[in-house]
Amino acid sequence: MLNVLFCIKLTSFRLTFILLLFLLSACSSSIYSNSDITYKISKPNSYSDSDYMLYESGESKFNPANIDRTLYNHQRVGKRYKIMGKYYTPKHEPYYDVVGIASWYGDKFHGKPTATGEIYNQYDLTVAHKTLPLNSMLYVTNLENGKSLMLRLNDRGPFIGNRIIDLSSAAAKALGTAEKGLAKVRVQYAGPANKKDIR
């Protein structure tokens, strides 16, 4: 009889423990989860050039002479920081115009915080840069196919080799760099981001 009661109590304890583990795992699901509903509704069904503000080479929609080069309060320069043994000093460079290598980042960082504090969404048209003010706009041109795109800077990076920017998955797809992975691009500062676009 004592053995039976012991087995019942042990089974009851196991069930309670399993239920507790289940509840804790459910609580650990947060806005950082890739399965979060926020990202499901923001994911486009398909990618096409018409989904983005793409500019073909030679068009005059982007005019550097019209850039607002003032640094606004909603833009964030930030303090000097160290990554992998190297120091980076953020600064406002209103005449930034550099040619270099672009890479892109996606699933691994999707749902994680960016340098601005917002959550990285690989389906948004955003970009990472090591030193330019956060919440700025960058005009990025893929020099290998002539496609250009206006992107909002909301993160820091890339910190590998001599790469100058990291594109979101959506930006890489739109610019035609996703399959190749790396591409030669021209990056131009394009003024402050719209406050309404900041999350």
Protein backbone atom coordinates (compact mmCIF):
# COMPACT_ATOMS: atom_id res chain seq x y z
CA MET A 1 0.00 0.00 0.00
CA LEU A 2 2.81 2.39 0.88
CA ASN A 3 4.50 1.55 -2.41
CA VAL A 4 1.32 2.40 -4.33
CA LEU A 5 0.95 5.72 -2.50
CA PHE A 6 4.62 6.50 -3.14
CA CYS A 7 4.21 5.76 -6.88
CA ILE A 8 1.12 7.98 -7.08
CA LYS A 9 2.93 10.85 -5.33
CA LEU A 10 5.98 10.37 -7.58
CA THR A 11 3.82 10.37 -10.72
CA SER A 12 1.97 13.46 -9.48
CA PHE A 13 5.30 15.19 -8.80
CA ARG A 14 6.56 14.33 -12.31
CA LEU A 15 3.40 15.69 -13.93
CA THR A 16 3.66 18.89 -11.91
CA PHE A 17 7.33 19.26 -12.88
CA ILE A 18 6.58 18.71 -16.58
CA LEU A 19 3.72 21.21 -16.44
CA LEU A 20 6.00 23.75 -14.74
CA LEU A 21 8.66 23.29 -17.43
CA PHE A 22 6.04 23.78 -20.14
CA LEU A 23 4.79 27.02 -18.57
CA LEU A 24 8.32 28.37 -18.15
CA SER A 25 9.18 27.63 -21.76
CA ALA A 26 6.01 29.39 -22.86
CA CYS A 27 6.96 32.45 -20.78
CA SER A 28 10.39 32.57 -22.35
CA SER A 29 8.85 33.23 -25.76
CA SER A 30 9.23 36.96 -26.35
CA ILE A 31 9.49 39.63 -29.01
CA TYR A 32 12.90 38.20 -29.82
CA SER A 33 11.36 34.98 -31.10
CA ASN A 34 11.48 34.39 -34.86
CA SER A 35 7.98 32.94 -34.67
CA ASP A 36 6.51 36.07 -33.14
CA ILE A 37 3.37 37.32 -34.87
CA THR A 38 5.01 40.72 -35.48
CA TYR A 39 7.31 39.22 -38.05
CA LYS A 40 4.76 36.94 -39.66
CA ILE A 41 2.54 39.83 -40.65
CA SER A 42 5.43 41.95 -41.88
CA LYS A 43 6.88 39.26 -44.14
CA PRO A 44 6.04 39.90 -47.81
CA ASN A 45 4.62 37.00 -49.82
CA SER A 46 7.22 37.54 -52.51
CA TYR A 47 9.96 39.93 -53.51
CA SER A 48 9.73 42.02 -56.64
CA ASP A 49 11.28 45.27 -57.80
CA SER A 50 7.91 47.00 -57.55
CA ASP A 51 7.92 46.47 -53.77
CA TYR A 52 10.82 48.86 -53.31
CA MET A 53 11.89 52.38 -54.21
CA LEU A 54 14.46 51.19 -56.72
CA TYR A 55 16.33 53.67 -58.86
CA GLU A 56 18.00 52.69 -62.08
CA SER A 57 21.41 54.08 -62.96
CA GLY A 58 21.21 57.52 -64.56
CA GLU A 59 17.91 58.61 -63.01
CA SER A 60 17.97 61.89 -61.11
CA LYS A 61 15.66 61.03 -58.20
CA PHE A 62 18.53 61.21 -55.72
CA ASN A 63 20.25 64.56 -55.75
CA PRO A 64 23.09 65.03 -53.23
CA ALA A 65 22.61 68.80 -53.46
CA ASN A 66 19.19 68.45 -51.82
CA ILE A 67 20.35 66.52 -48.75
CA ASP A 68 19.52 67.94 -45.33
CA ARG A 69 22.95 67.71 -43.69
CA THR A 70 21.81 68.88 -40.25
CA LEU A 71 22.19 66.40 -37.39
CA TYR A 72 18.83 66.10 -35.61
CA ASN A 73 17.99 64.99 -32.07
CA HIS A 74 16.35 61.77 -33.23
CA GLN A 75 19.61 60.73 -34.92
CA ARG A 76 22.09 58.99 -32.63
CA VAL A 77 25.83 59.25 -33.03
CA GLY A 78 26.78 57.29 -29.92
CA LYS A 79 30.03 56.81 -28.04
CA ARG A 80 33.27 55.16 -29.09
CA TYR A 81 32.99 51.37 -28.81
CA LYS A 82 35.14 48.28 -29.14
CA ILE A 83 34.34 45.13 -31.14
CA MET A 84 36.72 42.19 -31.49
CA GLY A 85 39.65 44.24 -30.23
CA LYS A 86 39.08 47.18 -32.57
CA TYR A 87 37.75 50.62 -31.63
CA TYR A 88 35.14 52.51 -33.66
CA THR A 89 34.25 56.17 -33.22
CA PRO A 90 30.78 57.11 -34.50
CA LYS A 91 30.53 60.56 -36.06
CA HIS A 92 28.32 62.69 -38.25
CA GLU A 93 29.72 62.67 -41.78
CA PRO A 94 27.17 64.61 -43.87
CA TYR A 95 29.30 64.33 -47.02
CA TYR A 96 29.96 60.60 -46.68
CA ASP A 97 30.35 59.05 -50.15
CA VAL A 98 32.31 55.79 -50.13
CA VAL A 99 32.74 52.82 -52.46
CA GLY A 100 33.33 49.45 -50.83
CA ILE A 101 32.00 45.98 -50.13
CA ALA A 102 28.49 45.29 -48.84
CA SER A 103 27.35 42.10 -47.13
CA TRP A 104 23.94 41.20 -45.71
CA TYR A 105 22.46 39.57 -42.61
CA GLY A 106 19.18 37.76 -42.05
CA ASP A 107 17.76 34.78 -40.14
CA LYS A 108 20.46 34.58 -37.49
CA PHE A 109 19.72 38.12 -36.28
CA HIS A 110 16.00 38.33 -37.10
CA GLY A 111 14.07 39.27 -33.97
CA LYS A 112 17.10 40.48 -32.03
CA PRO A 113 17.76 44.07 -30.84
CA THR A 114 19.58 46.46 -33.16
CA ALA A 115 21.88 49.27 -32.05
CA THR A 116 18.91 51.66 -31.94
CA GLY A 117 17.05 49.34 -29.55
CA GLU A 118 14.40 48.38 -32.09
CA ILE A 119 14.02 44.78 -33.13
CA TYR A 120 15.78 43.70 -36.30
CA ASN A 121 13.33 42.61 -38.98
CA GLN A 122 15.06 41.11 -41.99
CA TYR A 123 12.07 42.07 -44.15
CA ASP A 124 12.51 45.80 -43.48
CA LEU A 125 14.62 48.01 -45.74
CA THR A 126 17.39 48.76 -43.27
CA VAL A 127 21.18 48.75 -43.12
CA ALA A 128 24.01 48.57 -40.60
CA HIS A 129 27.05 50.86 -40.62
CA LYS A 130 29.92 51.10 -38.14
CA THR A 131 30.09 54.86 -37.53
CA LEU A 132 27.45 56.97 -39.28
CA PRO A 133 24.59 58.36 -37.12
CA LEU A 134 21.80 55.87 -36.43
CA ASN A 135 18.37 56.85 -37.80
CA SER A 136 19.99 58.31 -40.89
CA MET A 137 19.17 57.48 -44.50
CA LEU A 138 21.77 56.01 -46.82
CA TYR A 139 21.55 55.87 -50.59
CA VAL A 140 23.14 52.58 -51.63
CA THR A 141 23.98 51.69 -55.22
CA ASN A 142 24.99 48.21 -56.35
CA LEU A 143 27.78 49.09 -58.79
CA GLU A 144 27.55 45.65 -60.37
CA ASN A 145 24.00 46.07 -61.71
CA GLY A 146 23.19 49.79 -61.30
CA LYS A 147 20.30 49.33 -58.84
CA SER A 148 19.99 51.84 -56.01
CA LEU A 149 17.93 51.93 -52.86
CA MET A 150 17.26 54.35 -50.01
CA LEU A 151 17.81 52.57 -46.68
CA ARG A 152 17.39 53.49 -43.03
CA LEU A 153 20.43 53.00 -40.80
CA ASN A 154 19.41 51.32 -37.54
CA ASP A 155 22.30 49.03 -36.60
CA ARG A 156 26.07 48.78 -36.23
CA GLY A 157 28.31 46.57 -38.36
CA PRO A 158 29.64 44.81 -40.31
CA PHE A 159 32.77 43.87 -38.36
CA ILE A 160 34.32 41.43 -40.81
CA GLY A 161 37.19 42.41 -43.09
CA ASN A 162 36.86 45.64 -45.06
CA ARG A 163 33.09 45.54 -45.57
CA ILE A 164 31.47 48.96 -45.25
CA ILE A 165 27.77 48.08 -44.77
CA ASP A 166 25.48 45.19 -43.87
CA LEU A 167 22.18 45.09 -45.75
CA SER A 168 18.99 43.57 -44.39
CA SER A 169 17.76 40.50 -46.28
CA ALA A 170 15.08 42.55 -48.01
CA ALA A 171 17.55 45.24 -49.05
CA ALA A 172 20.00 42.63 -50.38
CA LYS A 173 17.23 40.94 -52.36
CA ALA A 174 16.07 44.25 -53.81
CA LEU A 175 19.58 45.34 -54.77
CA GLY A 176 20.43 41.95 -56.23
CA THR A 177 23.23 41.08 -53.81
CA ALA A 178 21.55 38.27 -51.86
CA GLU A 179 22.65 35.32 -53.98
CA LYS A 180 26.23 36.46 -54.36
CA GLY A 181 26.52 37.51 -50.72
CA LEU A 182 29.02 40.31 -51.25
CA ALA A 183 28.89 43.15 -53.76
CA LYS A 184 30.71 46.35 -54.63
CA VAL A 185 28.52 49.28 -53.67
CA ARG A 186 28.55 53.04 -53.36
CA VAL A 187 27.18 54.39 -50.08
CA GLN A 188 26.09 58.03 -49.81
CA TYR A 189 24.73 59.83 -46.77
CA ALA A 190 21.18 60.95 -47.56
CA GLY A 191 20.08 62.90 -44.50
CA PRO A 192 18.02 62.08 -41.40
CA ALA A 193 15.41 59.33 -41.33
CA ASN A 194 11.79 60.33 -40.97
CA LYS A 195 10.74 60.24 -37.31
CA LYS A 196 7.60 58.32 -38.30
CA ASP A 197 9.73 55.43 -39.61
CA ILE A 198 11.62 54.98 -36.34
CA ARG A 199 10.32 52.09 -34.22
